[in-house]
C-alpha atoms as a PDB file:
ATOM      1  CA  MET A   1       0.000   0.000   0.000  1.00  0.00           C
ATOM      2  CA  ASN A   2       1.428   3.367  -0.949  1.00  0.00           C
ATOM      3  CA  ARG A   3       0.597   6.828   0.440  1.00  0.00           C
ATOM      4  CA  LYS A   4      -2.231   7.498  -2.029  1.00  0.00           C
ATOM      5  CA  GLU A   5      -3.864   4.154  -1.292  1.00  0.00           C
ATOM      6  CA  LEU A   6      -3.538   4.788   2.453  1.00  0.00           C
ATOM      7  CA  ILE A   7      -5.182   8.199   2.099  1.00  0.00           C
ATOM      8  CA  ASP A   8      -8.013   6.640   0.070  1.00  0.00           C
ATOM      9  CA  ALA A   9      -8.502   3.948   2.731  1.00  0.00           C
ATOM     10  CA  LEU A  10      -8.498   6.504   5.568  1.00  0.00           C
ATOM     11  CA  ALA A  11     -11.032   8.657   3.746  1.00  0.00           C
ATOM     12  CA  GLY A  12     -13.223   5.623   3.126  1.00  0.00           C
ATOM     13  CA  LYS A  13     -13.094   4.435   6.756  1.00  0.00           C
ATOM     14  CA  THR A  14     -13.642   7.853   8.367  1.00  0.00           C
ATOM     15  CA  GLY A  15     -16.017   9.527   5.918  1.00  0.00           C
ATOM     16  CA  PHE A  16     -13.688  12.528   5.656  1.00  0.00           C
ATOM     17  CA  THR A  17     -12.506  13.882   2.335  1.00  0.00           C
ATOM     18  CA  LYS A  18      -9.259  12.677   0.790  1.00  0.00           C
ATOM     19  CA  LYS A  19      -7.836  16.164   1.356  1.00  0.00           C
ATOM     20  CA  ASP A  20      -8.616  15.950   5.083  1.00  0.00           C
ATOM     21  CA  ALA A  21      -7.198  12.419   5.282  1.00  0.00           C
ATOM     22  CA  ASP A  22      -4.003  13.651   3.591  1.00  0.00           C
ATOM     23  CA  LYS A  23      -3.720  16.516   6.106  1.00  0.00           C
ATOM     24  CA  PHE A  24      -4.191  14.067   8.970  1.00  0.00           C
ATOM     25  CA  LEU A  25      -1.565  11.668   7.643  1.00  0.00           C
ATOM     26  CA  SER A  26       0.922  14.503   7.087  1.00  0.00           C
ATOM     27  CA  ALA A  27       0.307  15.849  10.596  1.00  0.00           C
ATOM     28  CA  PHE A  28       0.750  12.356  12.083  1.00  0.00           C
ATOM     29  CA  GLN A  29       4.077  11.949  10.291  1.00  0.00           C
ATOM     30  CA  GLU A  30       5.284  15.379  11.461  1.00  0.00           C
ATOM     31  CA  VAL A  31       4.337  14.683  15.087  1.00  0.00           C
ATOM     32  CA  VAL A  32       6.092  11.301  15.079  1.00  0.00           C
ATOM     33  CA  VAL A  33       9.251  12.735  13.458  1.00  0.00           C
ATOM     34  CA  GLU A  34       9.373  15.657  15.922  1.00  0.00           C
ATOM     35  CA  ALA A  35       8.993  13.291  18.892  1.00  0.00           C
ATOM     36  CA  LEU A  36      11.738  10.985  17.580  1.00  0.00           C
ATOM     37  CA  LYS A  37      14.075  13.947  17.018  1.00  0.00           C
ATOM     38  CA  LYS A  38      13.611  14.873  20.687  1.00  0.00           C
ATOM     39  CA  GLY A  39      14.520  11.311  21.685  1.00  0.00           C
ATOM     40  CA  GLU A  40      10.967  10.469  22.762  1.00  0.00           C
ATOM     41  CA  SER A  41       9.035   7.371  21.785  1.00  0.00           C
ATOM     42  CA  VAL A  42       5.495   7.268  20.392  1.00  0.00           C
ATOM     43  CA  ASN A  43       3.426   4.492  21.972  1.00  0.00           C
ATOM     44  CA  LEU A  44       0.184   3.440  20.297  1.00  0.00           C
ATOM     45  CA  VAL A  45      -1.279   0.827  22.646  1.00  0.00           C
ATOM     46  CA  GLY A  46      -2.212  -2.320  20.747  1.00  0.00           C
ATOM     47  CA  PHE A  47      -0.496  -1.098  17.564  1.00  0.00           C
ATOM     48  CA  GLY A  48       3.162  -0.519  18.374  1.00  0.00           C
ATOM     49  CA  VAL A  49       5.970   1.789  19.410  1.00  0.00           C
ATOM     50  CA  PHE A  50       8.025   4.164  17.285  1.00  0.00           C
ATOM     51  CA  LYS A  51      11.388   4.897  18.925  1.00  0.00           C
ATOM     52  CA  VAL A  52      14.983   5.882  18.215  1.00  0.00           C
ATOM     53  CA  VAL A  53      17.775   3.372  18.747  1.00  0.00           C
ATOM     54  CA  GLU A  54      21.456   4.234  19.098  1.00  0.00           C
ATOM     55  CA  ARG A  55      23.719   2.130  16.893  1.00  0.00           C
ATOM     56  CA  PRO A  56      27.308   2.078  18.144  1.00  0.00           C
ATOM     57  CA  ALA A  57      30.295   2.745  15.918  1.00  0.00           C
ATOM     58  CA  ARG A  58      31.770  -0.379  14.391  1.00  0.00           C
ATOM     59  CA  GLU A  59      34.381  -1.593  11.986  1.00  0.00           C
ATOM     60  CA  ALA A  60      33.315  -3.425   8.825  1.00  0.00           C
ATOM     61  CA  ARG A  61      34.900  -4.792   5.705  1.00  0.00           C
ATOM     62  CA  ASN A  62      34.164  -3.775   2.117  1.00  0.00           C
ATOM     63  CA  PRO A  63      33.183  -7.093   0.469  1.00  0.00           C
ATOM     64  CA  ARG A  64      34.468  -5.996  -2.938  1.00  0.00           C
ATOM     65  CA  THR A  65      37.951  -4.845  -1.910  1.00  0.00           C
ATOM     66  CA  GLY A  66      38.400  -6.394   1.536  1.00  0.00           C
ATOM     67  CA  GLU A  67      39.343  -2.957   2.880  1.00  0.00           C
ATOM     68  CA  ARG A  68      38.423  -2.206   6.498  1.00  0.00           C
ATOM     69  CA  ILE A  69      36.100   0.759   6.965  1.00  0.00           C
ATOM     70  CA  ASN A  70      34.815   2.537  10.057  1.00  0.00           C
ATOM     71  CA  ILE A  71      31.070   3.026  10.360  1.00  0.00           C
ATOM     72  CA  PRO A  72      30.234   5.885  12.743  1.00  0.00           C
ATOM     73  CA  ALA A  73      27.666   5.667  15.550  1.00  0.00           C
ATOM     74  CA  ARG A  74      24.219   6.884  14.566  1.00  0.00           C
ATOM     75  CA  ARG A  75      20.602   7.122  15.610  1.00  0.00           C
ATOM     76  CA  VAL A  76      18.021   5.163  13.608  1.00  0.00           C
ATOM     77  CA  PRO A  77      14.220   4.984  13.838  1.00  0.00           C
ATOM     78  CA  GLN A  78      12.659   1.686  14.848  1.00  0.00           C
ATOM     79  CA  PHE A  79       9.100   0.347  14.993  1.00  0.00           C
ATOM     80  CA  LYS A  80       8.188  -2.458  17.359  1.00  0.00           C
ATOM     81  CA  PRO A  81       4.734  -3.942  16.714  1.00  0.00           C
ATOM     82  CA  GLY A  82       2.381  -4.227  19.673  1.00  0.00           C
ATOM     83  CA  LYS A  83       0.602  -7.301  20.938  1.00  0.00           C
ATOM     84  CA  GLY A  84      -2.710  -6.404  19.260  1.00  0.00           C
ATOM     85  CA  LEU A  85      -1.088  -5.975  15.854  1.00  0.00           C
ATOM     86  CA  LYS A  86       0.843  -9.225  16.192  1.00  0.00           C
ATOM     87  CA  GLU A  87      -2.271 -11.146  17.237  1.00  0.00           C
ATOM     88  CA  SER A  88      -4.354  -9.734  14.384  1.00  0.00           C
ATOM     89  CA  LEU A  89      -1.852 -11.158  11.884  1.00  0.00           C
ATOM     90  CA  ALA A  90      -1.616 -14.622  13.451  1.00  0.00           C
END
């Protein structure tokens, strides 16, 4: 499902216009991104948790040349599905 299909589905489920559904989806994305930038997590009970995970620096090897490279530490977003979402797919 892509963004347009998601907007269509939201509009169909809620009875709102596609324009309103698009605004809602955009606002949801902005709120989640802002929270993650602050280091906060977004918990949607029964659905899942959006959070930021710290990946430590590490040394790797270029498979083509065999050369060792250093990969710096970084922060990456992560989604952990909740119990309700997991159970609905079982």
